[in-house]
Amino acid sequence: MIERLKPGENNGIYDVVYDNIVELSKHQYGCRVIQTLLKKCNEDQVDKLLEKIYKNVKELSQDQFGNYIIQYILENQKGSNVKPIYEGLKDNIYDFSIHKYASNVVERALTFGNEKQRQNIINEIIKQDDQMKECLLSMVKDKFGNYVVQKIFEYSDKKTRKNIVDIFNSSQSLKKKDGFSKHVINFIEKLISGNQGSITDLTPGKDGVKNQKRKSQDDN
């Protein structure tokens, strides 16, 4: 019905969805209805939906189905329309990065964000203090966090990439044979070998090597 109705003719459906936005966002099928509304509604309707979703962005990012709503918005909305999501990520970046569902949101934010948005996320992890180094190493060893680290490395500038490699090289606890660490280490080694073996030659987001394929959320 949403697909066939013109904007303005779907007010009955829209009102029900708007009044139950959080409940429907967290439902296996309801989240698909919301994505369709975001695609088919007029600009004013979309803005009102986004405003209500953003009031619950942390809760939805960590939900099994709600995270798909946040991912969809990151992929299809730009500029100020996604600013509240990036602000929410900045405040929860470590917890989200090791969360089964929210880590997908972090990856999507890095993939579809502009350079400044990406760098703001990366800066929350890559800081020159021992606590943040421990967070990065913890993410590398995590079942979900290791995918985020791969994405961070893929979109980092040369200086940040070198800092990441230096942190890994100086760590006594990080080993290539470790269960999840090996994914990140193998990914970085492939990037370096694919760029004449020099880490300073790596260009963010243009490496020709994808990060390790992640299983579907339901399989993780």
Protein backbone atom coordinates (compact mmCIF):
# COMPACT_ATOMS: atom_id res chain seq x y z
CA MET A 1 0.00 0.00 0.00
CA ILE A 2 2.80 2.42 0.87
CA GLU A 3 4.54 1.65 -2.40
CA ARG A 4 1.40 2.40 -4.44
CA LEU A 5 -0.04 5.37 -2.55
CA LYS A 6 1.21 8.85 -3.38
CA PRO A 7 2.67 11.03 -0.57
CA GLY A 8 -0.26 12.60 1.22
CA GLU A 9 -2.53 9.62 0.54
CA ASN A 10 -0.82 7.46 3.16
CA ASN A 11 -1.69 9.59 6.19
CA GLY A 12 -3.65 6.82 7.91
CA ILE A 13 -0.72 4.41 7.76
CA TYR A 14 1.75 7.16 8.56
CA ASP A 15 -0.05 8.24 11.73
CA VAL A 16 -0.18 4.72 13.11
CA VAL A 17 3.50 4.12 12.40
CA TYR A 18 4.49 7.50 13.84
CA ASP A 19 2.61 6.83 17.08
CA ASN A 20 4.29 3.41 17.45
CA ILE A 21 7.68 4.15 15.91
CA VAL A 22 9.90 2.50 18.56
CA GLU A 23 7.81 -0.65 18.88
CA LEU A 24 7.61 -1.11 15.12
CA SER A 25 11.31 -0.34 14.62
CA LYS A 26 12.14 -3.22 16.95
CA HIS A 27 9.88 -5.67 15.12
CA GLN A 28 11.12 -8.05 12.43
CA TYR A 29 8.52 -6.88 9.90
CA GLY A 30 7.70 -3.45 11.31
CA CYS A 31 11.23 -2.23 10.65
CA ARG A 32 10.69 -2.93 6.94
CA VAL A 33 7.50 -0.89 6.89
CA ILE A 34 9.34 2.06 8.42
CA GLN A 35 12.11 1.84 5.82
CA THR A 36 9.50 1.89 3.07
CA LEU A 37 7.81 4.92 4.62
CA LEU A 38 11.13 6.75 4.81
CA LYS A 39 11.56 6.06 1.11
CA LYS A 40 8.05 7.01 0.00
CA CYS A 41 6.93 9.82 2.32
CA ASN A 42 7.23 13.51 1.57
CA GLU A 43 10.01 15.58 3.11
CA ASP A 44 7.98 16.90 6.06
CA GLN A 45 6.81 13.40 6.98
CA VAL A 46 10.35 12.03 6.77
CA ASP A 47 11.69 14.82 8.99
CA LYS A 48 9.08 14.05 11.66
CA LEU A 49 9.88 10.33 11.54
CA LEU A 50 13.60 11.01 11.81
CA GLU A 51 13.09 13.36 14.74
CA LYS A 52 11.27 10.66 16.69
CA ILE A 53 13.75 7.95 15.72
CA TYR A 54 16.69 10.10 16.85
CA LYS A 55 15.21 10.43 20.32
CA ASN A 56 15.68 6.67 20.58
CA VAL A 57 18.83 6.21 18.48
CA LYS A 58 20.88 4.51 21.21
CA GLU A 59 18.14 1.99 22.00
CA LEU A 60 17.44 1.22 18.35
CA SER A 61 21.13 0.89 17.44
CA GLN A 62 21.45 -1.94 19.94
CA ASP A 63 18.26 -3.72 18.96
CA GLN A 64 18.18 -6.81 16.75
CA PHE A 65 15.88 -5.15 14.21
CA GLY A 66 16.02 -1.49 15.21
CA ASN A 67 19.64 -1.29 14.07
CA TYR A 68 18.46 -1.84 10.49
CA ILE A 69 16.50 1.42 10.70
CA ILE A 70 19.60 3.35 11.78
CA GLN A 71 21.68 1.67 9.06
CA TYR A 72 19.08 2.54 6.44
CA ILE A 73 19.09 6.19 7.48
CA LEU A 74 22.89 6.35 7.40
CA GLU A 75 22.90 4.98 3.88
CA ASN A 76 20.09 7.10 2.48
CA GLN A 77 20.16 10.40 4.37
CA LYS A 78 22.97 12.95 4.25
CA GLY A 79 24.20 16.11 5.94
CA SER A 80 22.31 17.42 8.96
CA ASN A 81 19.77 14.60 8.65
CA VAL A 82 22.28 12.10 10.05
CA LYS A 83 24.12 14.38 12.49
CA PRO A 84 22.25 13.06 15.57
CA ILE A 85 23.37 9.51 14.74
CA TYR A 86 27.03 10.48 14.56
CA GLU A 87 26.73 12.41 17.79
CA GLY A 88 25.22 9.34 19.44
CA LEU A 89 27.99 7.13 18.07
CA LYS A 90 30.67 9.46 19.38
CA ASP A 91 29.34 9.12 22.92
CA ASN A 92 29.08 5.31 22.76
CA ILE A 93 31.66 4.29 20.18
CA TYR A 94 33.49 1.62 22.17
CA ASP A 95 30.36 -0.05 23.60
CA PHE A 96 28.70 0.02 20.18
CA SER A 97 31.79 -1.39 18.46
CA ILE A 98 31.74 -4.58 20.54
CA HIS A 99 27.95 -4.95 20.48
CA LYS A 100 26.40 -7.63 18.28
CA TYR A 101 23.97 -5.25 16.56
CA ALA A 102 25.30 -1.75 17.17
CA SER A 103 28.66 -2.69 15.65
CA ASN A 104 26.85 -2.95 12.30
CA VAL A 105 25.73 0.66 12.77
CA VAL A 106 29.31 1.78 13.41
CA GLU A 107 30.51 0.01 10.26
CA ARG A 108 27.74 1.59 8.21
CA ALA A 109 28.55 5.04 9.60
CA LEU A 110 32.19 4.63 8.55
CA THR A 111 31.17 3.40 5.11
CA PHE A 112 28.66 6.12 4.24
CA GLY A 113 29.86 9.07 6.30
CA ASN A 114 31.80 11.96 4.84
CA GLU A 115 35.47 12.44 5.67
CA LYS A 116 34.80 14.59 8.75
CA GLN A 117 32.15 12.24 10.13
CA ARG A 118 34.42 9.24 9.69
CA GLN A 119 37.36 10.98 11.29
CA ASN A 120 35.30 12.00 14.33
CA ILE A 121 34.45 8.35 14.92
CA ILE A 122 38.01 7.20 14.37
CA ASN A 123 39.38 9.88 16.69
CA GLU A 124 37.33 8.49 19.55
CA ILE A 125 39.27 5.23 19.27
CA ILE A 126 42.68 6.30 18.02
CA LYS A 127 43.94 8.57 20.76
CA GLN A 128 47.43 8.81 22.15
CA ASP A 129 46.80 7.50 25.62
CA ASP A 130 47.06 4.07 27.19
CA GLN A 131 43.35 3.70 27.88
CA MET A 132 42.35 4.16 24.25
CA LYS A 133 45.14 1.87 23.10
CA GLU A 134 43.69 -0.81 25.34
CA CYS A 135 40.23 -0.18 23.84
CA LEU A 136 41.59 -0.64 20.34
CA LEU A 137 43.39 -3.86 21.27
CA SER A 138 40.27 -5.10 23.02
CA MET A 139 38.22 -4.42 19.89
CA VAL A 140 40.70 -6.34 17.75
CA LYS A 141 40.20 -9.43 19.91
CA ASP A 142 36.43 -9.08 20.02
CA LYS A 143 33.99 -11.13 17.94
CA PHE A 144 32.29 -8.00 16.59
CA GLY A 145 34.83 -5.28 17.29
CA ASN A 146 37.43 -6.74 14.93
CA TYR A 147 35.21 -5.90 11.95
CA VAL A 148 34.96 -2.29 13.13
CA VAL A 149 38.76 -2.08 13.42
CA GLN A 150 39.10 -3.34 9.84
CA LYS A 151 36.69 -0.66 8.69
CA ILE A 152 38.52 2.01 10.70
CA PHE A 153 41.80 0.99 9.07
CA GLU A 154 40.22 1.00 5.62
CA TYR A 155 39.06 4.61 5.94
CA SER A 156 41.90 6.07 8.01
CA ASP A 157 44.52 8.47 6.68
CA LYS A 158 48.16 7.43 6.39
CA LYS A 159 49.19 8.81 9.77
CA THR A 160 46.36 7.05 11.60
CA ARG A 161 47.11 3.77 9.84
CA LYS A 162 50.71 3.97 10.90
CA ASN A 163 49.64 4.68 14.50
CA ILE A 164 47.37 1.64 14.46
CA VAL A 165 50.13 -0.62 13.15
CA ASP A 166 52.55 0.80 15.75
CA ILE A 167 50.07 0.00 18.52
CA PHE A 168 49.69 -3.55 17.23
CA ASN A 169 53.45 -4.03 16.89
CA SER A 170 54.12 -2.76 20.41
CA SER A 171 51.49 -4.99 21.98
CA GLN A 172 52.74 -8.07 23.77
CA SER A 173 49.26 -9.57 23.98
CA LEU A 174 48.28 -9.37 20.31
CA LYS A 175 49.10 -12.50 18.36
CA LYS A 176 48.28 -13.40 14.79
CA LYS A 177 47.00 -16.83 15.75
CA ASP A 178 44.38 -15.41 18.12
CA GLY A 179 40.81 -16.19 17.06
CA PHE A 180 39.62 -12.73 15.97
CA SER A 181 42.90 -10.80 15.95
CA LYS A 182 44.02 -12.80 12.94
CA HIS A 183 41.22 -11.31 10.81
CA VAL A 184 42.48 -7.78 11.41
CA ILE A 185 46.17 -8.67 11.03
CA ASN A 186 45.54 -10.59 7.80
CA PHE A 187 43.46 -7.71 6.47
CA ILE A 188 46.22 -5.17 7.15
CA GLU A 189 48.91 -7.43 5.70
CA LYS A 190 46.89 -7.83 2.49
CA LEU A 191 46.50 -4.07 2.22
CA ILE A 192 50.22 -3.51 2.67
CA SER A 193 51.24 -6.24 0.25
CA GLY A 194 48.75 -4.92 -2.31
CA ASN A 195 50.33 -1.47 -2.13
CA GLN A 196 53.96 -2.35 -2.78
CA GLY A 197 54.53 -3.28 0.83
CA SER A 198 54.54 0.28 2.14
CA ILE A 199 51.95 1.36 4.67
CA THR A 200 52.54 5.02 3.83
CA ASP A 201 51.29 4.39 0.30
CA LEU A 202 47.85 3.27 1.43
CA THR A 203 44.94 5.43 0.36
CA PRO A 204 41.81 5.46 2.56
CA GLY A 205 38.86 3.61 1.07
CA LYS A 206 40.59 2.75 -2.24
CA ASP A 207 42.56 -0.37 -1.46
CA GLY A 208 40.99 -3.07 -3.56
CA VAL A 209 40.83 -5.38 -0.55
CA LYS A 210 37.60 -5.72 1.36
CA ASN A 211 37.51 -6.26 5.09
CA GLN A 212 36.79 -9.83 6.18
CA LYS A 213 33.27 -10.82 5.21
CA ARG A 214 31.03 -10.66 8.21
CA LYS A 215 28.42 -13.26 8.90
CA SER A 216 24.82 -12.16 8.98
CA GLN A 217 23.64 -10.73 12.27
CA ASP A 218 21.50 -13.75 13.02
CA ASP A 219 24.47 -16.07 12.52
CA ASN A 220 26.88 -14.14 14.75
